[in-house]
Structures are given as structure tokens and as C-alpha cells.
Amino acid sequence: MTGYAAGLLWSQLWLAEALGAPVQARMGPILFMLLTVNAYLLGWRLLMRAWFTGSVYGWRQGLLSIPRLVIGNLVAILASLRALSLHLSGQDRKWDKTRHIFPAELAR
């Protein structure tokens, strides 16, 4: 979650600087190296995810696996925030079971 927030804030700083605002979005060489390595590793992960998904389900689903990564992260963030709020509120901690309706059950 902090990675998404940091990416949003840095992009706003770079955009403001590009538009002529008197801000300087500068970072030290160690942070720059760390972010560069992290970006390459993220790119590799996205490439492998798209490649393997595409090899099983076709190239369209391979490309769609990239935005699904962001959606999956959003779902995980919201689930963790809900779990944290339940824990801090002192409510009962119970398993939220999802109801499923399978197509075979609809035919009966």
C-alpha cells in the first residue's frame, strides 16, 4: 500500500516539476539504485506472469494478467485493512465464508 502511495506522490512531484513548479524531486544515489533494481525486478515478475499465463490461456489473457496484479493487490490491501480494523475493534474474529453457487446446482 505504501508503494502505491509513494508512486503516486513521486509522480505528482515529477509532473509538477515538469510543468514548472518550484519543486525539486531529487533522490540520493542509493535510493535511485534501489528503486532501479526494484523496477527491474517488478518488470521481470510482470513479464514472467504474462508469459506463463499467456502460454496456458492465450496472449490476451497474458496481457490481462498485468492489470489483474494491481486488482489483486487492491483486494489484498482492503482485506488486510478490514482484518486490522476487526482486530483493533475487539469484535469476534470469525471466518467470513463466501457463498458459492455452482452452475451444476442451478440446473437442478
PDB file of N, CA and C in Angstrom:
ATOM      1  N   MET A   1       0.831  -1.189   0.000  1.00  0.00           N
ATOM      2  CA  MET A   1       0.000   0.000   0.000  1.00  0.00           C
ATOM      3  C   MET A   1       0.875   1.252   0.000  1.00  0.00           C
ATOM      4  N   THR A   2       1.953   1.202   0.772  1.00  0.00           N
ATOM      5  CA  THR A   2       2.838   2.368   0.799  1.00  0.00           C
ATOM      6  C   THR A   2       3.565   2.546  -0.530  1.00  0.00           C
ATOM      7  N   GLY A   3       3.814   1.441  -1.232  1.00  0.00           N
ATOM      8  CA  GLY A   3       4.445   1.544  -2.549  1.00  0.00           C
ATOM      9  C   GLY A   3       3.551   2.275  -3.539  1.00  0.00           C
ATOM     10  N   TYR A   4       2.257   1.965  -3.529  1.00  0.00           N
ATOM     11  CA  TYR A   4       1.320   2.668  -4.410  1.00  0.00           C
ATOM     12  C   TYR A   4       1.227   4.150  -4.030  1.00  0.00           C
ATOM     13  N   ALA A   5       1.176   4.432  -2.734  1.00  0.00           N
ATOM     14  CA  ALA A   5       1.107   5.827  -2.284  1.00  0.00           C
ATOM     15  C   ALA A   5       2.384   6.583  -2.658  1.00  0.00           C
ATOM     16  N   ALA A   6       3.539   5.947  -2.464  1.00  0.00           N
ATOM     17  CA  ALA A   6       4.805   6.600  -2.818  1.00  0.00           C
ATOM     18  C   ALA A   6       4.899   6.835  -4.316  1.00  0.00           C
ATOM     19  N   GLY A   7       4.470   5.859  -5.111  1.00  0.00           N
ATOM     20  CA  GLY A   7       4.475   6.039  -6.567  1.00  0.00           C
ATOM     21  C   GLY A   7       3.588   7.188  -7.003  1.00  0.00           C
ATOM     22  N   LEU A   8       2.428   7.306  -6.377  1.00  0.00           N
ATOM     23  CA  LEU A   8       1.519   8.400  -6.702  1.00  0.00           C
ATOM     24  C   LEU A   8       2.120   9.754  -6.326  1.00  0.00           C
ATOM     25  N   LEU A   9       2.706   9.832  -5.141  1.00  0.00           N
ATOM     26  CA  LEU A   9       3.284  11.102  -4.692  1.00  0.00           C
ATOM     27  C   LEU A   9       4.502  11.504  -5.544  1.00  0.00           C
ATOM     28  N   TRP A  10       5.375  10.539  -5.860  1.00  0.00           N
ATOM     29  CA  TRP A  10       6.539  10.860  -6.691  1.00  0.00           C
ATOM     30  C   TRP A  10       6.118  11.294  -8.088  1.00  0.00           C
ATOM     31  N   SER A  11       5.105  10.623  -8.652  1.00  0.00           N
ATOM     32  CA  SER A  11       4.656  11.020  -9.986  1.00  0.00           C
ATOM     33  C   SER A  11       4.075  12.431  -9.969  1.00  0.00           C
ATOM     34  N   GLN A  12       3.405  12.800  -8.881  1.00  0.00           N
ATOM     35  CA  GLN A  12       2.879  14.162  -8.780  1.00  0.00           C
ATOM     36  C   GLN A  12       4.016  15.183  -8.668  1.00  0.00           C
ATOM     37  N   LEU A  13       5.064  14.843  -7.916  1.00  0.00           N
ATOM     38  CA  LEU A  13       6.208  15.749  -7.811  1.00  0.00           C
ATOM     39  C   LEU A  13       6.910  15.920  -9.157  1.00  0.00           C
ATOM     40  N   TRP A  14       7.112  14.813  -9.874  1.00  0.00           N
ATOM     41  CA  TRP A  14       7.771  14.904 -11.180  1.00  0.00           C
ATOM     42  C   TRP A  14       6.916  15.680 -12.179  1.00  0.00           C
ATOM     43  N   LEU A  15       5.598  15.491 -12.129  1.00  0.00           N
ATOM     44  CA  LEU A  15       4.705  16.234 -13.021  1.00  0.00           C
ATOM     45  C   LEU A  15       4.731  17.719 -12.690  1.00  0.00           C
ATOM     46  N   ALA A  16       4.699  18.042 -11.406  1.00  0.00           N
ATOM     47  CA  ALA A  16       4.752  19.456 -11.007  1.00  0.00           C
ATOM     48  C   ALA A  16       6.064  20.093 -11.445  1.00  0.00           C
ATOM     49  N   GLU A  17       7.165  19.364 -11.312  1.00  0.00           N
ATOM     50  CA  GLU A  17       8.453  19.893 -11.737  1.00  0.00           C
ATOM     51  C   GLU A  17       8.495  20.074 -13.251  1.00  0.00           C
ATOM     52  N   ALA A  18       7.918  19.137 -13.991  1.00  0.00           N
ATOM     53  CA  ALA A  18       7.888  19.235 -15.449  1.00  0.00           C
ATOM     54  C   ALA A  18       7.028  20.395 -15.921  1.00  0.00           C
ATOM     55  N   LEU A  19       6.008  20.750 -15.148  1.00  0.00           N
ATOM     56  CA  LEU A  19       5.131  21.863 -15.510  1.00  0.00           C
ATOM     57  C   LEU A  19       5.657  23.210 -15.031  1.00  0.00           C
ATOM     58  N   GLY A  20       6.807  23.206 -14.364  1.00  0.00           N
ATOM     59  CA  GLY A  20       7.434  24.463 -13.979  1.00  0.00           C
ATOM     60  C   GLY A  20       7.252  24.885 -12.541  1.00  0.00           C
ATOM     61  N   ALA A  21       6.728  24.034 -11.699  1.00  0.00           N
ATOM     62  CA  ALA A  21       6.571  24.383 -10.289  1.00  0.00           C
ATOM     63  C   ALA A  21       7.948  24.443  -9.625  1.00  0.00           C
ATOM     64  N   PRO A  22       8.111  25.291  -8.630  1.00  0.00           N
ATOM     65  CA  PRO A  22       9.426  25.424  -7.985  1.00  0.00           C
ATOM     66  C   PRO A  22       9.703  24.321  -6.958  1.00  0.00           C
ATOM     67  N   VAL A  23       9.580  23.059  -7.380  1.00  0.00           N
ATOM     68  CA  VAL A  23       9.885  21.920  -6.518  1.00  0.00           C
ATOM     69  C   VAL A  23      10.990  21.104  -7.179  1.00  0.00           C
ATOM     70  N   GLN A  24      11.712  20.390  -6.379  1.00  0.00           N
ATOM     71  CA  GLN A  24      12.755  19.532  -6.914  1.00  0.00           C
ATOM     72  C   GLN A  24      12.573  18.132  -6.345  1.00  0.00           C
ATOM     73  N   ALA A  25      12.188  17.223  -7.203  1.00  0.00           N
ATOM     74  CA  ALA A  25      12.012  15.829  -6.797  1.00  0.00           C
ATOM     75  C   ALA A  25      13.340  15.107  -7.007  1.00  0.00           C
ATOM     76  N   ARG A  26      14.236  15.236  -6.067  1.00  0.00           N
ATOM     77  CA  ARG A  26      15.564  14.633  -6.173  1.00  0.00           C
ATOM     78  C   ARG A  26      15.704  13.522  -5.144  1.00  0.00           C
ATOM     79  N   MET A  27      16.518  12.545  -5.492  1.00  0.00           N
ATOM     80  CA  MET A  27      16.783  11.451  -4.572  1.00  0.00           C
ATOM     81  C   MET A  27      18.264  11.120  -4.604  1.00  0.00           C
ATOM     82  N   GLY A  28      18.740  10.546  -3.531  1.00  0.00           N
ATOM     83  CA  GLY A  28      20.145  10.186  -3.430  1.00  0.00           C
ATOM     84  C   GLY A  28      20.493   9.007  -4.338  1.00  0.00           C
ATOM     85  N   PRO A  29      21.781   8.773  -4.554  1.00  0.00           N
ATOM     86  CA  PRO A  29      22.179   7.690  -5.455  1.00  0.00           C
ATOM     87  C   PRO A  29      21.828   6.298  -4.938  1.00  0.00           C
ATOM     88  N   ILE A  30      21.836   6.098  -3.645  1.00  0.00           N
ATOM     89  CA  ILE A  30      21.491   4.784  -3.103  1.00  0.00           C
ATOM     90  C   ILE A  30      20.007   4.497  -3.305  1.00  0.00           C
ATOM     91  N   LEU A  31      19.156   5.490  -3.032  1.00  0.00           N
ATOM     92  CA  LEU A  31      17.728   5.321  -3.246  1.00  0.00           C
ATOM     93  C   LEU A  31      17.429   5.110  -4.720  1.00  0.00           C
ATOM     94  N   PHE A  32      18.121   5.851  -5.579  1.00  0.00           N
ATOM     95  CA  PHE A  32      17.916   5.688  -7.024  1.00  0.00           C
ATOM     96  C   PHE A  32      18.292   4.274  -7.467  1.00  0.00           C
ATOM     97  N   MET A  33      19.417   3.750  -6.969  1.00  0.00           N
ATOM     98  CA  MET A  33      19.840   2.398  -7.318  1.00  0.00           C
ATOM     99  C   MET A  33      18.836   1.367  -6.807  1.00  0.00           C
ATOM    100  N   LEU A  34      18.366   1.542  -5.584  1.00  0.00           N
ATOM    101  CA  LEU A  34      17.398   0.629  -5.006  1.00  0.00           C
ATOM    102  C   LEU A  34      16.098   0.614  -5.812  1.00  0.00           C
ATOM    103  N   LEU A  35      15.619   1.797  -6.177  1.00  0.00           N
ATOM    104  CA  LEU A  35      14.382   1.870  -6.961  1.00  0.00           C
ATOM    105  C   LEU A  35      14.566   1.306  -8.363  1.00  0.00           C
ATOM    106  N   THR A  36      15.749   1.479  -8.941  1.00  0.00           N
ATOM    107  CA  THR A  36      16.017   0.932 -10.268  1.00  0.00           C
ATOM    108  C   THR A  36      16.022  -0.594 -10.236  1.00  0.00           C
ATOM    109  N   VAL A  37      16.705  -1.170  -9.268  1.00  0.00           N
ATOM    110  CA  VAL A  37      16.723  -2.629  -9.131  1.00  0.00           C
ATOM    111  C   VAL A  37      15.313  -3.149  -8.864  1.00  0.00           C
ATOM    112  N   ASN A  38      14.577  -2.464  -8.030  1.00  0.00           N
ATOM    113  CA  ASN A  38      13.208  -2.856  -7.719  1.00  0.00           C
ATOM    114  C   ASN A  38      12.321  -2.795  -8.956  1.00  0.00           C
ATOM    115  N   ALA A  39      12.496  -1.759  -9.790  1.00  0.00           N
ATOM    116  CA  ALA A  39      11.711  -1.636 -11.018  1.00  0.00           C
ATOM    117  C   ALA A  39      12.040  -2.760 -11.992  1.00  0.00           C
ATOM    118  N   TYR A  40      13.321  -3.112 -12.115  1.00  0.00           N
ATOM    119  CA  TYR A  40      13.694  -4.228 -12.993  1.00  0.00           C
ATOM    120  C   TYR A  40      13.092  -5.545 -12.499  1.00  0.00           C
ATOM    121  N   LEU A  41      13.135  -5.776 -11.198  1.00  0.00           N
ATOM    122  CA  LEU A  41      12.560  -7.000 -10.657  1.00  0.00           C
ATOM    123  C   LEU A  41      11.044  -7.048 -10.838  1.00  0.00           C
ATOM    124  N   LEU A  42      10.373  -5.906 -10.690  1.00  0.00           N
ATOM    125  CA  LEU A  42       8.935  -5.849 -10.939  1.00  0.00           C
ATOM    126  C   LEU A  42       8.634  -6.128 -12.407  1.00  0.00           C
ATOM    127  N   GLY A  43       9.426  -5.529 -13.304  1.00  0.00           N
ATOM    128  CA  GLY A  43       9.250  -5.787 -14.727  1.00  0.00           C
ATOM    129  C   GLY A  43       9.436  -7.257 -15.063  1.00  0.00           C
ATOM    130  N   TRP A  44      10.455  -7.885 -14.477  1.00  0.00           N
ATOM    131  CA  TRP A  44      10.697  -9.310 -14.684  1.00  0.00           C
ATOM    132  C   TRP A  44       9.512 -10.138 -14.191  1.00  0.00           C
ATOM    133  N   ARG A  45       9.000  -9.789 -13.022  1.00  0.00           N
ATOM    134  CA  ARG A  45       7.857 -10.521 -12.468  1.00  0.00           C
ATOM    135  C   ARG A  45       6.625 -10.379 -13.362  1.00  0.00           C
ATOM    136  N   LEU A  46       6.372  -9.165 -13.847  1.00  0.00           N
ATOM    137  CA  LEU A  46       5.231  -8.951 -14.738  1.00  0.00           C
ATOM    138  C   LEU A  46       5.401  -9.692 -16.048  1.00  0.00           C
ATOM    139  N   LEU A  47       6.620  -9.688 -16.582  1.00  0.00           N
ATOM    140  CA  LEU A  47       6.896 -10.395 -17.827  1.00  0.00           C
ATOM    141  C   LEU A  47       6.674 -11.894 -17.661  1.00  0.00           C
ATOM    142  N   MET A  48       7.190 -12.467 -16.590  1.00  0.00           N
ATOM    143  CA  MET A  48       7.016 -13.902 -16.353  1.00  0.00           C
ATOM    144  C   MET A  48       5.553 -14.247 -16.117  1.00  0.00           C
ATOM    145  N   ARG A  49       4.844 -13.402 -15.396  1.00  0.00           N
ATOM    146  CA  ARG A  49       3.423 -13.646 -15.142  1.00  0.00           C
ATOM    147  C   ARG A  49       2.648 -13.638 -16.451  1.00  0.00           C
ATOM    148  N   ALA A  50       2.901 -12.636 -17.295  1.00  0.00           N
ATOM    149  CA  ALA A  50       2.210 -12.547 -18.576  1.00  0.00           C
ATOM    150  C   ALA A  50       2.610 -13.701 -19.494  1.00  0.00           C
ATOM    151  N   TRP A  51       3.887 -14.065 -19.503  1.00  0.00           N
ATOM    152  CA  TRP A  51       4.369 -15.148 -20.359  1.00  0.00           C
ATOM    153  C   TRP A  51       3.714 -16.482 -19.995  1.00  0.00           C
ATOM    154  N   PHE A  52       3.719 -16.840 -18.714  1.00  0.00           N
ATOM    155  CA  PHE A  52       3.173 -18.128 -18.315  1.00  0.00           C
ATOM    156  C   PHE A  52       1.654 -18.153 -18.412  1.00  0.00           C
ATOM    157  N   THR A  53       1.010 -17.054 -18.069  1.00  0.00           N
ATOM    158  CA  THR A  53      -0.445 -17.013 -18.225  1.00  0.00           C
ATOM    159  C   THR A  53      -0.808 -17.095 -19.696  1.00  0.00           C
ATOM    160  N   GLY A  54      -0.054 -16.381 -20.543  1.00  0.00           N
ATOM    161  CA  GLY A  54      -0.301 -16.428 -21.980  1.00  0.00           C
ATOM    162  C   GLY A  54      -0.045 -17.794 -22.578  1.00  0.00           C
ATOM    163  N   SER A  55       0.926 -18.517 -22.061  1.00  0.00           N
ATOM    164  CA  SER A  55       1.212 -19.847 -22.604  1.00  0.00           C
ATOM    165  C   SER A  55       0.100 -20.842 -22.286  1.00  0.00           C
ATOM    166  N   VAL A  56      -0.642 -20.604 -21.228  1.00  0.00           N
ATOM    167  CA  VAL A  56      -1.723 -21.516 -20.855  1.00  0.00           C
ATOM    168  C   VAL A  56      -3.062 -21.040 -21.412  1.00  0.00           C
ATOM    169  N   TYR A  57      -3.362 -19.741 -21.309  1.00  0.00           N
ATOM    170  CA  TYR A  57      -4.689 -19.230 -21.629  1.00  0.00           C
ATOM    171  C   TYR A  57      -4.748 -18.359 -22.877  1.00  0.00           C
ATOM    172  N   GLY A  58      -3.638 -18.116 -23.531  1.00  0.00           N
ATOM    173  CA  GLY A  58      -3.634 -17.287 -24.734  1.00  0.00           C
ATOM    174  C   GLY A  58      -3.059 -15.911 -24.450  1.00  0.00           C
ATOM    175  N   TRP A  59      -2.652 -15.234 -25.539  1.00  0.00           N
ATOM    176  CA  TRP A  59      -1.933 -13.969 -25.387  1.00  0.00           C
ATOM    177  C   TRP A  59      -2.798 -12.863 -24.789  1.00  0.00           C
ATOM    178  N   ARG A  60      -4.108 -12.879 -25.050  1.00  0.00           N
ATOM    179  CA  ARG A  60      -4.966 -11.829 -24.484  1.00  0.00           C
ATOM    180  C   ARG A  60      -5.007 -11.923 -22.954  1.00  0.00           C
ATOM    181  N   GLN A  61      -5.181 -13.149 -22.465  1.00  0.00           N
ATOM    182  CA  GLN A  61      -5.202 -13.320 -21.014  1.00  0.00           C
ATOM    183  C   GLN A  61      -3.832 -13.059 -20.408  1.00  0.00           C
ATOM    184  N   GLY A  62      -2.787 -13.325 -21.184  1.00  0.00           N
ATOM    185  CA  GLY A  62      -1.445 -12.999 -20.714  1.00  0.00           C
ATOM    186  C   GLY A  62      -1.277 -11.508 -20.495  1.00  0.00           C
ATOM    187  N   LEU A  63      -1.769 -10.717 -21.442  1.00  0.00           N
ATOM    188  CA  LEU A  63      -1.698  -9.260 -21.270  1.00  0.00           C
ATOM    189  C   LEU A  63      -2.617  -8.770 -20.160  1.00  0.00           C
ATOM    190  N   LEU A  64      -3.773  -9.423 -20.023  1.00  0.00           N
ATOM    191  CA  LEU A  64      -4.705  -9.013 -18.965  1.00  0.00           C
ATOM    192  C   LEU A  64      -4.228  -9.414 -17.573  1.00  0.00           C
ATOM    193  N   SER A  65      -3.227 -10.294 -17.498  1.00  0.00           N
ATOM    194  CA  SER A  65      -2.720 -10.685 -16.183  1.00  0.00           C
ATOM    195  C   SER A  65      -1.984  -9.531 -15.499  1.00  0.00           C
ATOM    196  N   ILE A  66      -1.517  -8.568 -16.282  1.00  0.00           N
ATOM    197  CA  ILE A  66      -0.789  -7.435 -15.693  1.00  0.00           C
ATOM    198  C   ILE A  66      -1.721  -6.526 -14.891  1.00  0.00           C
ATOM    199  N   PRO A  67      -2.852  -6.057 -15.467  1.00  0.00           N
ATOM    200  CA  PRO A  67      -3.740  -5.258 -14.611  1.00  0.00           C
ATOM    201  C   PRO A  67      -4.397  -6.069 -13.490  1.00  0.00           C
ATOM    202  N   ARG A  68      -4.542  -7.386 -13.699  1.00  0.00           N
ATOM    203  CA  ARG A  68      -5.108  -8.210 -12.624  1.00  0.00           C
ATOM    204  C   ARG A  68      -4.192  -8.245 -11.413  1.00  0.00           C
ATOM    205  N   LEU A  69      -2.899  -8.051 -11.614  1.00  0.00           N
ATOM    206  CA  LEU A  69      -1.969  -7.981 -10.488  1.00  0.00           C
ATOM    207  C   LEU A  69      -2.308  -6.795  -9.590  1.00  0.00           C
ATOM    208  N   VAL A  70      -2.608  -5.655 -10.197  1.00  0.00           N
ATOM    209  CA  VAL A  70      -2.963  -4.460  -9.421  1.00  0.00           C
ATOM    210  C   VAL A  70      -4.294  -4.676  -8.697  1.00  0.00           C
ATOM    211  N   ILE A  71      -5.259  -5.271  -9.381  1.00  0.00           N
ATOM    212  CA  ILE A  71      -6.560  -5.526  -8.754  1.00  0.00           C
ATOM    213  C   ILE A  71      -6.409  -6.507  -7.591  1.00  0.00           C
ATOM    214  N   GLY A  72      -5.596  -7.537  -7.786  1.00  0.00           N
ATOM    215  CA  GLY A  72      -5.348  -8.486  -6.701  1.00  0.00           C
ATOM    216  C   GLY A  72      -4.684  -7.828  -5.508  1.00  0.00           C
ATOM    217  N   ASN A  73      -3.750  -6.907  -5.775  1.00  0.00           N
ATOM    218  CA  ASN A  73      -3.113  -6.177  -4.686  1.00  0.00           C
ATOM    219  C   ASN A  73      -4.126  -5.303  -3.951  1.00  0.00           C
ATOM    220  N   LEU A  74      -5.017  -4.671  -4.699  1.00  0.00           N
ATOM    221  CA  LEU A  74      -6.043  -3.829  -4.080  1.00  0.00           C
ATOM    222  C   LEU A  74      -6.952  -4.661  -3.183  1.00  0.00           C
ATOM    223  N   VAL A  75      -7.362  -5.837  -3.650  1.00  0.00           N
ATOM    224  CA  VAL A  75      -8.206  -6.719  -2.836  1.00  0.00           C
ATOM    225  C   VAL A  75      -7.466  -7.134  -1.568  1.00  0.00           C
ATOM    226  N   ALA A  76      -6.180  -7.470  -1.692  1.00  0.00           N
ATOM    227  CA  ALA A  76      -5.394  -7.873  -0.517  1.00  0.00           C
ATOM    228  C   ALA A  76      -5.240  -6.716   0.466  1.00  0.00           C
ATOM    229  N   ILE A  77      -5.037  -5.504  -0.037  1.00  0.00           N
ATOM    230  CA  ILE A  77      -4.916  -4.335   0.838  1.00  0.00           C
ATOM    231  C   ILE A  77      -6.218  -4.099   1.592  1.00  0.00           C
ATOM    232  N   LEU A  78      -7.344  -4.156   0.878  1.00  0.00           N
ATOM    233  CA  LEU A  78      -8.639  -3.938   1.534  1.00  0.00           C
ATOM    234  C   LEU A  78      -8.939  -5.032   2.552  1.00  0.00           C
ATOM    235  N   ALA A  79      -8.572  -6.277   2.239  1.00  0.00           N
ATOM    236  CA  ALA A  79      -8.796  -7.369   3.189  1.00  0.00           C
ATOM    237  C   ALA A  79      -7.936  -7.193   4.442  1.00  0.00           C
ATOM    238  N   SER A  80      -6.704  -6.757   4.263  1.00  0.00           N
ATOM    239  CA  SER A  80      -5.852  -6.563   5.438  1.00  0.00           C
ATOM    240  C   SER A  80      -6.319  -5.386   6.282  1.00  0.00           C
ATOM    241  N   LEU A  81      -6.805  -4.336   5.647  1.00  0.00           N
ATOM    242  CA  LEU A  81      -7.340  -3.209   6.409  1.00  0.00           C
ATOM    243  C   LEU A  81      -8.592  -3.615   7.194  1.00  0.00           C
ATOM    244  N   ARG A  82      -9.436  -4.449   6.579  1.00  0.00           N
ATOM    245  CA  ARG A  82     -10.628  -4.926   7.280  1.00  0.00           C
ATOM    246  C   ARG A  82     -10.236  -5.821   8.460  1.00  0.00           C
ATOM    247  N   ALA A  83      -9.265  -6.696   8.240  1.00  0.00           N
ATOM    248  CA  ALA A  83      -8.819  -7.576   9.324  1.00  0.00           C
ATOM    249  C   ALA A  83      -8.204  -6.769  10.460  1.00  0.00           C
ATOM    250  N   LEU A  84      -7.442  -5.761  10.125  1.00  0.00           N
ATOM    251  CA  LEU A  84      -6.846  -4.907  11.156  1.00  0.00           C
ATOM    252  C   LEU A  84      -7.922  -4.156  11.928  1.00  0.00           C
ATOM    253  N   SER A  85      -8.931  -3.640  11.221  1.00  0.00           N
ATOM    254  CA  SER A  85      -9.995  -2.923  11.924  1.00  0.00           C
ATOM    255  C   SER A  85     -10.800  -3.851  12.826  1.00  0.00           C
ATOM    256  N   LEU A  86     -11.042  -5.092  12.383  1.00  0.00           N
ATOM    257  CA  LEU A  86     -11.736  -6.052  13.250  1.00  0.00           C
ATOM    258  C   LEU A  86     -10.895  -6.390  14.473  1.00  0.00           C
ATOM    259  N   HIS A  87      -9.613  -6.538  14.285  1.00  0.00           N
ATOM    260  CA  HIS A  87      -8.729  -6.865  15.404  1.00  0.00           C
ATOM    261  C   HIS A  87      -8.679  -5.719  16.420  1.00  0.00           C
ATOM    262  N   LEU A  88      -8.555  -4.491  15.923  1.00  0.00           N
ATOM    263  CA  LEU A  88      -8.445  -3.348  16.825  1.00  0.00           C
ATOM    264  C   LEU A  88      -9.762  -3.014  17.514  1.00  0.00           C
ATOM    265  N   SER A  89     -10.893  -3.372  16.887  1.00  0.00           N
ATOM    266  CA  SER A  89     -12.189  -3.057  17.499  1.00  0.00           C
ATOM    267  C   SER A  89     -12.573  -4.050  18.584  1.00  0.00           C
ATOM    268  N   GLY A  90     -11.904  -5.184  18.623  1.00  0.00           N
ATOM    269  CA  GLY A  90     -12.204  -6.172  19.650  1.00  0.00           C
ATOM    270  C   GLY A  90     -13.381  -7.056  19.324  1.00  0.00           C
ATOM    271  N   GLN A  91     -13.901  -6.989  18.103  1.00  0.00           N
ATOM    272  CA  GLN A  91     -15.012  -7.852  17.707  1.00  0.00           C
ATOM    273  C   GLN A  91     -14.530  -9.287  17.562  1.00  0.00           C
ATOM    274  N   ASP A  92     -15.508 -10.191  17.498  1.00  0.00           N
ATOM    275  CA  ASP A  92     -15.173 -11.599  17.303  1.00  0.00           C
ATOM    276  C   ASP A  92     -14.434 -11.786  15.996  1.00  0.00           C
ATOM    277  N   ARG A  93     -13.412 -12.606  16.065  1.00  0.00           N
ATOM    278  CA  ARG A  93     -12.668 -12.931  14.850  1.00  0.00           C
ATOM    279  C   ARG A  93     -13.230 -14.226  14.312  1.00  0.00           C
ATOM    280  N   LYS A  94     -13.936 -14.120  13.218  1.00  0.00           N
ATOM    281  CA  LYS A  94     -14.558 -15.303  12.637  1.00  0.00           C
ATOM    282  C   LYS A  94     -14.217 -15.362  11.151  1.00  0.00           C
ATOM    283  N   TRP A  95     -14.358 -16.542  10.615  1.00  0.00           N
ATOM    284  CA  TRP A  95     -14.069 -16.760   9.208  1.00  0.00           C
ATOM    285  C   TRP A  95     -15.277 -16.311   8.402  1.00  0.00           C
ATOM    286  N   ASP A  96     -15.059 -15.415   7.452  1.00  0.00           N
ATOM    287  CA  ASP A  96     -16.133 -14.980   6.563  1.00  0.00           C
ATOM    288  C   ASP A  96     -16.186 -15.930   5.382  1.00  0.00           C
ATOM    289  N   LYS A  97     -17.155 -16.817   5.405  1.00  0.00           N
ATOM    290  CA  LYS A  97     -17.278 -17.822   4.348  1.00  0.00           C
ATOM    291  C   LYS A  97     -18.026 -17.213   3.170  1.00  0.00           C
ATOM    292  N   THR A  98     -17.467 -17.383   2.002  1.00  0.00           N
ATOM    293  CA  THR A  98     -18.101 -16.896   0.781  1.00  0.00           C
ATOM    294  C   THR A  98     -19.090 -17.940   0.276  1.00  0.00           C
ATOM    295  N   ARG A  99     -20.292 -17.500  -0.057  1.00  0.00           N
ATOM    296  CA  ARG A  99     -21.281 -18.420  -0.625  1.00  0.00           C
ATOM    297  C   ARG A  99     -21.016 -18.564  -2.113  1.00  0.00           C
ATOM    298  N   HIS A 100     -20.968 -19.801  -2.553  1.00  0.00           N
ATOM    299  CA  HIS A 100     -20.747 -20.072  -3.963  1.00  0.00           C
ATOM    300  C   HIS A 100     -21.969 -20.785  -4.532  1.00  0.00           C
ATOM    301  N   ILE A 101     -22.321 -20.428  -5.737  1.00  0.00           N
ATOM    302  CA  ILE A 101     -23.373 -21.136  -6.459  1.00  0.00           C
ATOM    303  C   ILE A 101     -22.718 -21.663  -7.730  1.00  0.00           C
ATOM    304  N   PHE A 102     -22.673 -22.973  -7.840  1.00  0.00           N
ATOM    305  CA  PHE A 102     -22.034 -23.591  -8.983  1.00  0.00           C
ATOM    306  C   PHE A 102     -23.056 -23.831 -10.088  1.00  0.00           C
ATOM    307  N   PRO A 103     -22.645 -23.774 -11.350  1.00  0.00           N
ATOM    308  CA  PRO A 103     -23.605 -23.954 -12.464  1.00  0.00           C
ATOM    309  C   PRO A 103     -24.350 -25.283 -12.409  1.00  0.00           C
ATOM    310  N   ALA A 104     -23.719 -26.330 -11.921  1.00  0.00           N
ATOM    311  CA  ALA A 104     -24.394 -27.638 -11.833  1.00  0.00           C
ATOM    312  C   ALA A 104     -25.554 -27.576 -10.847  1.00  0.00           C
ATOM    313  N   GLU A 105     -25.457 -26.756  -9.819  1.00  0.00           N
ATOM    314  CA  GLU A 105     -26.534 -26.633  -8.825  1.00  0.00           C
ATOM    315  C   GLU A 105     -27.692 -25.834  -9.368  1.00  0.00           C
ATOM    316  N   LEU A 106     -27.465 -24.955 -10.327  1.00  0.00           N
ATOM    317  CA  LEU A 106     -28.541 -24.165 -10.913  1.00  0.00           C
ATOM    318  C   LEU A 106     -29.436 -25.016 -11.815  1.00  0.00           C
ATOM    319  N   ALA A 107     -28.885 -26.058 -12.408  1.00  0.00           N
ATOM    320  CA  ALA A 107     -29.638 -26.903 -13.326  1.00  0.00           C
ATOM    321  C   ALA A 107     -30.640 -27.792 -12.601  1.00  0.00           C
ATOM    322  N   ARG A 108     -30.482 -28.010 -11.334  1.00  0.00           N
ATOM    323  CA  ARG A 108     -31.396 -28.902 -10.582  1.00  0.00           C
ATOM    324  C   ARG A 108     -32.705 -28.267 -10.300  1.00  0.00           C
TER     325      ARG A 108
END
